[in-house]
Every structure is written in structure tokens, then in C-alpha cells.
Amino acid sequence: MEGLASKAVDGPHVKEMNGVLKNMLSEWFCTGFLNLERVTWQSPCEVLQKISDSEAVHPVRNWVDMKRRVGAYRRCYFFSHCAIPGEPLIVLHVALTSDISSSIQAIVKEVPPLETEDTEKITTAIFYSISLTQQGLQGVELGTHLIKRVVKELQKELPQIEAFSTLSPIPGFTKWLVGLLSSQTKDQGRNELFTESEWQEISELTGDPTSNTLKKLLNTNEWVRSEKLTQVLHSPLMRLCAWYLYGEKHRGYALNPVANFHLQNGSVLWRINWMGDSSPRGIGASCGMMVNYRYFLEETASNSALYLASKQVRASEQVLALVAQFQQNSKL
């Protein structure tokens, strides 16, 4: 019975119905029906609560944390539908900084909220979290439209902003890496993902000539407790992460869903940040790394067209150098 039910769910009629429903939702939630609303500490309590509850990327700890995220040097926007005004559908959090952030802890750190901001210090907008509040709208391109609208809003309010960038998580990297360690181990126990010297140092520190201990340490976040092991893994993990974002594909497009989303929008894979998220959640998902996707506004349309038509990824010199290191030192 379970097998028949599974076939029914995956059947052609169900897939056709899913496509029809997705098209209908896309029409109902097109930009003409959507209102952009900014969240402040003076917003209704129920709106603040919904924003807090729906935060899927960097969970809100308490009301003080929420006040900080909608206060000085921060912006929070959401789309609502004209039929249900004030009801958040998708939420975007922005940090206003003087440079492109490399650490999420610097953005969501526990410090008292500032009451005022010096606009002369603001030159950069960092999109650090985007979350759907209605999971049924997965697949409807709300995120793309929200980023575009927020960029226009920020340009109007703060015309001195020179750079627009994300500080994005890399979900799935650790899982992908552990999978490679399981499948790529040689008979001698050394994995082809590392150079001879790297693997020798790793084996000495883990006390295991096979990859079993390293996999366990990666799965449990225990590797970051060893300063020496963290230093040894720095270079190989950076190049492996660069390849994961740049070279690993699904139907020709980026395998990582966050990368695929921003590349479709026309961004540039700009910088990989070591220990960009040192929280247990960040270590577990991506070995602590985060990535910046830069939005060069005059190039986003051409970048998007190039990616969608030719599946070409625009990347910075840092990322391309790491990819070259991967191709030289690692094998899949």
C-alpha cells in the first residue's frame, strides 16, 4: 500500500497539478499585488512576533535581539499581499555597514541596541537573512522581487550606499564533504581530497590513518576544539567549499540552493569567509564558512542571463584561485 501511495504522489497527474498550482500562486502573488513594508520597533507586536518566529537562518534569541535587528544600522522588510495587509509573506534582514561583512557574529552579536545611526558611516548593505513565513509559497519567486525592491528603497533612503552584498550560509556543505570522505577513501586510508602532507598532518592529529575519525569529528563539530586541527583543515576546506559552490552542479546549475538562488538573480560569487559563522549551527552545516554574493547593479541582468542560458558562474579572483587549488590538489 505504501508503495502504491508513493507512486501516486510522484505520478504524472500530481506533477501536472503541482505545476498548475505553482502557476496560479505565481499569478496571485505577482509584484503588482505585493506591498513592501518596513519593520521597526514601533511595528505592531504581532508583526514583530511573526518576524521573530519565522526567522529560519539566524534564530532570534529574545526581544532585545529582535529590537537590535530592526533598530539602528539595521533594516527589516517584508512583502504582504494587498488582500491581507500587514501579514508577512517573506522577510529580508539587512545590515548597514562600512564594509562587506565576513562574520555573522559581528551582525547578530549580543550588544545593547543602538538608538541612533551615523549615516555617513554607511556605505554597504548586507543582506544576511531571507525567510519565507508561508512555506506553501516555496517555488514562487518572491525572494528575487523582494531583494530588487529593497535595493531601490535603500538607494532612495541612503543614496551613498556603494555596495550591495549578501552574507549567506552554505547549507549542505558538511554533509556533502562527509559523503565524499565516505566514498573517496583509498585502500591505504588516505582520501584523495587532501594532499599527502595534509593527510599526514590530519592522521597524526586524529590518530587514525583512515577518514573515519575525521568524519566523526566533522559530524559532531568536535574538530573545532583542536586549534591545530582547525589550522590544518583551513586551506583544504576553503578550496573544497569553493568547488562545492562553483563546480558542483544539479542539472547544470549550482547544487547549493542558496548559491543557485543568488546566481539566478545575477550576483557574483565573491568571497568565501573562514569561520564566518562560528555558532554550533554554522559549524555543523558548513564547517563554519559563509559566503558573500555581490550584487553589482549594472551587471546583474547580464550575469543572470548568462547563468540561466549558459550556466556560467561569475566569480571573483579569490574564488577562482581556490577552485584552481582544488583542481590541482584534490580529486573527485
Protein backbone atom coordinates (compact mmCIF):
# COMPACT_ATOMS: atom_id res chain seq x y z
CA MET A 1 0.00 0.00 0.00
CA GLU A 2 2.82 2.41 0.90
CA GLY A 3 4.46 1.72 -2.46
CA LEU A 4 1.23 2.48 -4.30
CA ALA A 5 0.78 5.69 -2.31
CA SER A 6 4.33 6.76 -3.14
CA LYS A 7 3.76 6.13 -6.84
CA ALA A 8 0.54 8.13 -6.69
CA VAL A 9 2.31 11.10 -5.10
CA ASP A 10 5.02 11.01 -7.76
CA GLY A 11 2.63 10.30 -10.61
CA PRO A 12 2.31 12.49 -13.72
CA HIS A 13 -1.12 13.81 -12.73
CA VAL A 14 0.16 15.02 -9.36
CA LYS A 15 3.17 16.68 -11.00
CA GLU A 16 0.87 18.36 -13.51
CA MET A 17 -1.37 19.61 -10.70
CA ASN A 18 1.67 20.93 -8.82
CA GLY A 19 2.67 22.87 -11.92
CA VAL A 20 -0.81 24.34 -12.30
CA LEU A 21 -0.96 25.35 -8.63
CA LYS A 22 2.50 26.92 -8.81
CA ASN A 23 1.47 28.99 -11.84
CA MET A 24 -1.72 30.10 -10.08
CA LEU A 25 0.19 31.12 -6.95
CA SER A 26 2.73 32.99 -9.08
CA GLU A 27 -0.12 34.98 -10.63
CA TRP A 28 -1.86 35.63 -7.30
CA PHE A 29 1.40 36.73 -5.69
CA CYS A 30 2.85 38.74 -8.57
CA THR A 31 4.57 42.02 -7.70
CA GLY A 32 1.51 44.08 -8.59
CA PHE A 33 -0.36 42.61 -5.62
CA LEU A 34 2.53 42.84 -3.16
CA ASN A 35 3.22 45.67 -0.73
CA LEU A 36 6.70 46.35 0.65
CA GLU A 37 6.59 47.14 4.37
CA ARG A 38 9.41 48.07 6.72
CA VAL A 39 9.52 46.66 10.25
CA THR A 40 10.59 48.91 13.13
CA TRP A 41 10.38 48.59 16.89
CA GLN A 42 7.14 50.60 16.63
CA SER A 43 5.53 47.98 14.36
CA PRO A 44 2.58 46.02 15.81
CA CYS A 45 3.61 43.42 18.36
CA GLU A 46 2.02 40.60 16.37
CA VAL A 47 4.12 41.54 13.31
CA LEU A 48 7.33 41.54 15.36
CA GLN A 49 6.37 38.16 16.82
CA LYS A 50 5.74 36.67 13.37
CA ILE A 51 9.04 38.05 12.07
CA SER A 52 10.83 36.54 15.07
CA ASP A 53 9.10 33.16 14.77
CA SER A 54 9.74 32.88 11.02
CA GLU A 55 13.48 33.65 11.16
CA ALA A 56 14.93 30.45 9.71
CA VAL A 57 18.55 31.45 9.08
CA HIS A 58 19.71 33.05 12.35
CA PRO A 59 17.12 32.41 15.09
CA VAL A 60 16.09 35.39 17.21
CA ARG A 61 17.13 34.83 20.82
CA ASN A 62 14.86 37.26 22.66
CA TRP A 63 13.09 40.62 22.41
CA VAL A 64 16.34 42.56 22.92
CA ASP A 65 17.78 40.69 19.94
CA MET A 66 14.66 41.49 17.91
CA LYS A 67 14.92 45.18 18.83
CA ARG A 68 18.53 45.20 17.62
CA ARG A 69 17.57 43.63 14.28
CA VAL A 70 15.05 46.36 13.49
CA GLY A 71 16.99 49.24 15.06
CA ALA A 72 19.91 51.48 14.09
CA TYR A 73 22.18 50.22 11.28
CA ARG A 74 19.61 47.52 10.52
CA ARG A 75 16.63 47.30 8.20
CA CYS A 76 13.93 44.68 8.03
CA TYR A 77 11.38 44.49 5.21
CA PHE A 78 8.62 42.13 4.21
CA PHE A 79 6.15 41.60 1.42
CA SER A 80 2.46 41.45 2.26
CA HIS A 81 -0.42 40.75 -0.13
CA CYS A 82 -2.93 43.51 -0.83
CA ALA A 83 -5.72 41.17 0.30
CA ILE A 84 -4.06 40.62 3.71
CA PRO A 85 -2.07 43.78 4.53
CA GLY A 86 0.34 43.56 7.45
CA GLU A 87 0.72 39.79 7.11
CA PRO A 88 4.40 38.95 6.31
CA LEU A 89 4.89 36.54 3.43
CA ILE A 90 8.67 36.76 3.08
CA VAL A 91 11.15 38.71 5.21
CA LEU A 92 14.54 40.24 4.40
CA HIS A 93 17.02 41.42 7.06
CA VAL A 94 19.70 43.97 6.12
CA ALA A 95 22.76 45.23 8.00
CA LEU A 96 24.08 48.70 7.12
CA THR A 97 27.87 48.73 7.43
CA SER A 98 31.06 50.41 6.26
CA ASP A 99 32.43 47.30 4.54
CA ILE A 100 31.40 43.85 3.33
CA SER A 101 30.91 41.72 6.42
CA SER A 102 32.76 38.43 6.76
CA SER A 103 31.24 37.25 10.07
CA ILE A 104 27.60 36.84 11.01
CA GLN A 105 28.52 37.03 14.70
CA ALA A 106 29.52 40.66 14.15
CA ILE A 107 26.00 41.34 12.86
CA VAL A 108 23.86 39.39 15.34
CA LYS A 109 26.16 39.72 18.37
CA GLU A 110 24.60 40.32 21.77
CA VAL A 111 25.15 44.02 22.41
CA PRO A 112 22.68 46.69 23.56
CA PRO A 113 20.70 48.11 20.61
CA LEU A 114 21.94 51.47 19.36
CA GLU A 115 19.43 54.31 19.40
CA THR A 116 20.90 56.43 16.59
CA GLU A 117 22.95 55.86 13.46
CA ASP A 118 25.53 57.96 11.65
CA THR A 119 24.51 57.71 8.01
CA GLU A 120 27.92 58.99 6.87
CA LYS A 121 29.43 55.70 8.07
CA ILE A 122 27.08 53.62 5.92
CA THR A 123 28.47 52.58 2.54
CA THR A 124 27.35 48.96 2.29
CA ALA A 125 24.12 46.99 2.57
CA ILE A 126 24.45 43.37 3.68
CA PHE A 127 21.50 41.03 3.08
CA TYR A 128 22.07 38.48 5.83
CA SER A 129 18.76 36.64 6.08
CA ILE A 130 15.76 35.97 3.87
CA SER A 131 12.96 33.73 5.14
CA LEU A 132 9.54 32.66 3.92
CA THR A 133 6.82 32.80 6.54
CA GLN A 134 4.47 30.74 4.36
CA GLN A 135 6.16 27.50 3.29
CA GLY A 136 3.38 26.85 0.78
CA LEU A 137 4.89 29.64 -1.33
CA GLN A 138 8.11 27.71 -1.96
CA GLY A 139 8.93 27.98 -5.66
CA VAL A 140 7.17 31.34 -6.13
CA GLU A 141 9.85 33.94 -6.92
CA LEU A 142 9.13 36.27 -4.02
CA GLY A 143 12.75 36.47 -2.84
CA THR A 144 14.08 37.82 -6.12
CA HIS A 145 11.46 40.57 -6.26
CA LEU A 146 11.92 41.44 -2.58
CA ILE A 147 15.68 41.99 -2.97
CA LYS A 148 15.12 44.21 -6.02
CA ARG A 149 12.51 46.30 -4.22
CA VAL A 150 14.65 46.66 -1.10
CA VAL A 151 17.65 47.78 -3.18
CA LYS A 152 15.52 50.56 -4.69
CA GLU A 153 14.22 51.53 -1.24
CA LEU A 154 17.73 51.72 0.21
CA GLN A 155 19.02 53.72 -2.76
CA LYS A 156 16.24 56.21 -2.15
CA GLU A 157 16.86 56.45 1.61
CA LEU A 158 20.68 56.14 1.58
CA PRO A 159 21.99 57.15 -1.87
CA GLN A 160 25.59 56.98 -0.63
CA ILE A 161 25.50 53.16 -0.45
CA GLU A 162 28.12 51.84 -2.86
CA ALA A 163 27.97 48.07 -2.35
CA PHE A 164 25.18 45.53 -2.06
CA SER A 165 26.14 42.07 -0.88
CA THR A 166 24.85 39.07 1.00
CA LEU A 167 26.42 37.23 3.90
CA SER A 168 24.98 33.82 3.18
CA PRO A 169 25.04 30.39 4.80
CA ILE A 170 26.25 27.34 2.88
CA PRO A 171 23.74 24.64 3.88
CA GLY A 172 24.70 21.12 2.91
CA PHE A 173 28.46 21.61 2.62
CA THR A 174 29.39 19.46 5.63
CA LYS A 175 27.00 16.72 4.53
CA TRP A 176 28.49 16.80 1.01
CA LEU A 177 32.03 16.68 2.40
CA VAL A 178 31.33 13.76 4.74
CA GLY A 179 29.74 11.92 1.81
CA LEU A 180 32.91 12.42 -0.23
CA LEU A 181 35.07 11.20 2.64
CA SER A 182 32.97 8.03 2.75
CA SER A 183 33.17 7.35 -0.98
CA GLN A 184 36.66 8.59 -1.87
CA THR A 185 38.84 6.80 0.70
CA LYS A 186 41.70 4.82 -0.84
CA ASP A 187 42.76 1.34 0.23
CA GLN A 188 45.65 2.85 2.21
CA GLY A 189 43.21 5.07 4.08
CA ARG A 190 44.23 8.44 2.59
CA ASN A 191 41.48 10.41 0.94
CA GLU A 192 42.05 11.99 -2.46
CA LEU A 193 40.54 15.26 -1.27
CA PHE A 194 43.76 16.15 0.56
CA THR A 195 47.42 16.36 -0.38
CA GLU A 196 49.87 13.83 1.04
CA SER A 197 51.26 16.33 3.56
CA GLU A 198 47.79 17.50 4.61
CA TRP A 199 46.59 13.95 5.16
CA GLN A 200 49.71 13.07 7.13
CA GLU A 201 49.10 16.00 9.50
CA ILE A 202 45.39 15.16 9.80
CA SER A 203 46.16 11.50 10.55
CA GLU A 204 48.70 12.44 13.21
CA LEU A 205 46.24 14.78 14.92
CA THR A 206 43.27 12.38 14.77
CA GLY A 207 45.34 9.28 15.50
CA ASP A 208 43.60 7.49 12.64
CA PRO A 209 45.09 6.70 9.21
CA THR A 210 41.56 6.31 7.80
CA SER A 211 38.94 9.01 7.40
CA ASN A 212 36.56 7.50 9.98
CA THR A 213 37.68 9.70 12.87
CA LEU A 214 37.69 12.84 10.72
CA LYS A 215 34.13 12.09 9.57
CA LYS A 216 33.04 11.65 13.18
CA LEU A 217 34.72 14.92 14.19
CA LEU A 218 33.04 16.77 11.32
CA ASN A 219 29.63 15.29 12.14
CA THR A 220 29.88 16.23 15.83
CA ASN A 221 31.62 19.64 15.46
CA GLU A 222 34.41 18.33 17.71
CA TRP A 223 37.19 19.26 15.26
CA VAL A 224 36.96 22.96 16.15
CA ARG A 225 38.05 22.13 19.71
CA SER A 226 41.54 21.41 18.37
CA GLU A 227 43.33 24.59 17.33
CA LYS A 228 45.97 22.60 15.42
CA LEU A 229 43.40 20.53 13.51
CA THR A 230 41.45 23.69 12.68
CA GLN A 231 44.62 25.26 11.25
CA VAL A 232 45.45 22.16 9.20
CA LEU A 233 41.91 21.95 7.77
CA HIS A 234 41.73 25.66 6.91
CA SER A 235 43.25 25.50 3.40
CA PRO A 236 41.69 22.22 2.20
CA LEU A 237 38.22 23.12 3.48
CA MET A 238 38.36 26.54 1.81
CA ARG A 239 39.21 25.06 -1.59
CA LEU A 240 36.65 22.25 -1.16
CA CYS A 241 33.98 24.81 -0.29
CA ALA A 242 34.90 26.91 -3.33
CA TRP A 243 34.49 23.87 -5.55
CA TYR A 244 31.21 22.91 -3.87
CA LEU A 245 29.74 26.33 -4.66
CA TYR A 246 31.34 26.83 -8.06
CA GLY A 247 31.72 23.36 -9.54
CA GLU A 248 29.12 21.01 -8.04
CA LYS A 249 26.03 21.02 -10.26
CA HIS A 250 22.43 19.87 -10.41
CA ARG A 251 21.14 19.82 -13.98
CA GLY A 252 23.94 22.21 -14.91
CA TYR A 253 23.17 24.79 -12.23
CA ALA A 254 24.71 25.24 -8.78
CA LEU A 255 23.94 22.30 -6.50
CA ASN A 256 23.73 24.52 -3.42
CA PRO A 257 20.21 26.06 -3.32
CA VAL A 258 21.32 29.38 -1.81
CA ALA A 259 24.06 29.76 -4.42
CA ASN A 260 21.63 28.89 -7.20
CA PHE A 261 19.14 31.49 -5.94
CA HIS A 262 21.62 34.37 -5.84
CA LEU A 263 23.36 33.39 -9.09
CA GLN A 264 19.98 33.32 -10.84
CA ASN A 265 19.49 36.86 -9.55
CA GLY A 266 22.71 37.95 -11.26
CA SER A 267 25.09 38.15 -8.30
CA VAL A 268 28.81 37.33 -8.30
CA LEU A 269 30.23 34.52 -6.16
CA TRP A 270 32.55 36.95 -4.46
CA ARG A 271 34.20 35.76 -1.23
CA ILE A 272 34.30 32.67 0.98
CA ASN A 273 34.78 33.52 4.64
CA TRP A 274 36.59 31.16 7.00
CA MET A 275 34.71 30.89 10.32
CA GLY A 276 32.09 33.32 9.07
CA ASP A 277 29.60 31.54 11.34
CA SER A 278 31.24 30.08 14.43
CA SER A 279 27.94 29.05 16.04
CA PRO A 280 27.28 25.31 16.51
CA ARG A 281 24.67 25.56 13.76
CA GLY A 282 27.15 27.17 11.37
CA ILE A 283 29.93 24.69 12.17
CA GLY A 284 27.55 21.78 11.67
CA ALA A 285 26.10 22.98 8.35
CA SER A 286 29.16 24.38 6.59
CA CYS A 287 32.25 23.87 8.78
CA GLY A 288 31.75 27.47 9.90
CA MET A 289 32.15 29.03 6.46
CA MET A 290 29.91 31.67 4.91
CA VAL A 291 29.92 33.32 1.50
CA ASN A 292 29.32 36.79 0.09
CA TYR A 293 27.36 37.14 -3.14
CA ARG A 294 27.98 40.64 -4.53
CA TYR A 295 25.25 42.44 -6.43
CA PHE A 296 26.87 44.79 -8.95
CA LEU A 297 23.67 46.51 -10.02
CA GLU A 298 24.82 47.45 -13.51
CA GLU A 299 25.77 43.81 -14.21
CA THR A 300 23.00 41.78 -12.55
CA ALA A 301 20.82 41.49 -15.67
CA SER A 302 23.66 40.25 -17.89
CA ASN A 303 25.02 37.94 -15.17
CA SER A 304 21.58 36.42 -14.65
CA ALA A 305 21.05 35.89 -18.38
CA LEU A 306 24.49 34.28 -18.71
CA TYR A 307 23.84 31.91 -15.81
CA LEU A 308 20.33 30.92 -16.89
CA ALA A 309 21.20 30.47 -20.57
CA SER A 310 24.76 29.14 -20.44
CA LYS A 311 25.04 28.00 -16.79
CA GLN A 312 28.17 30.14 -16.38
CA VAL A 313 29.02 31.31 -12.85
CA ARG A 314 30.55 34.75 -12.36
CA ALA A 315 33.14 34.51 -9.60
CA SER A 316 35.84 36.68 -8.04
CA GLU A 317 39.60 36.12 -8.22
CA GLN A 318 39.58 34.73 -4.67
CA VAL A 319 37.02 32.07 -5.52
CA LEU A 320 38.65 31.18 -8.85
CA ALA A 321 42.04 30.86 -7.15
CA LEU A 322 40.55 28.45 -4.59
CA VAL A 323 38.88 26.47 -7.39
CA ALA A 324 42.25 26.22 -9.16
CA GLN A 325 43.83 24.95 -5.92
CA PHE A 326 41.10 22.33 -5.67
CA GLN A 327 41.67 21.17 -9.25
CA GLN A 328 45.41 20.93 -8.58
CA ASN A 329 45.31 19.21 -5.17
CA SER A 330 42.04 17.29 -4.94
CA LYS A 331 40.31 14.63 -6.99
CA LEU A 332 36.67 13.60 -7.17
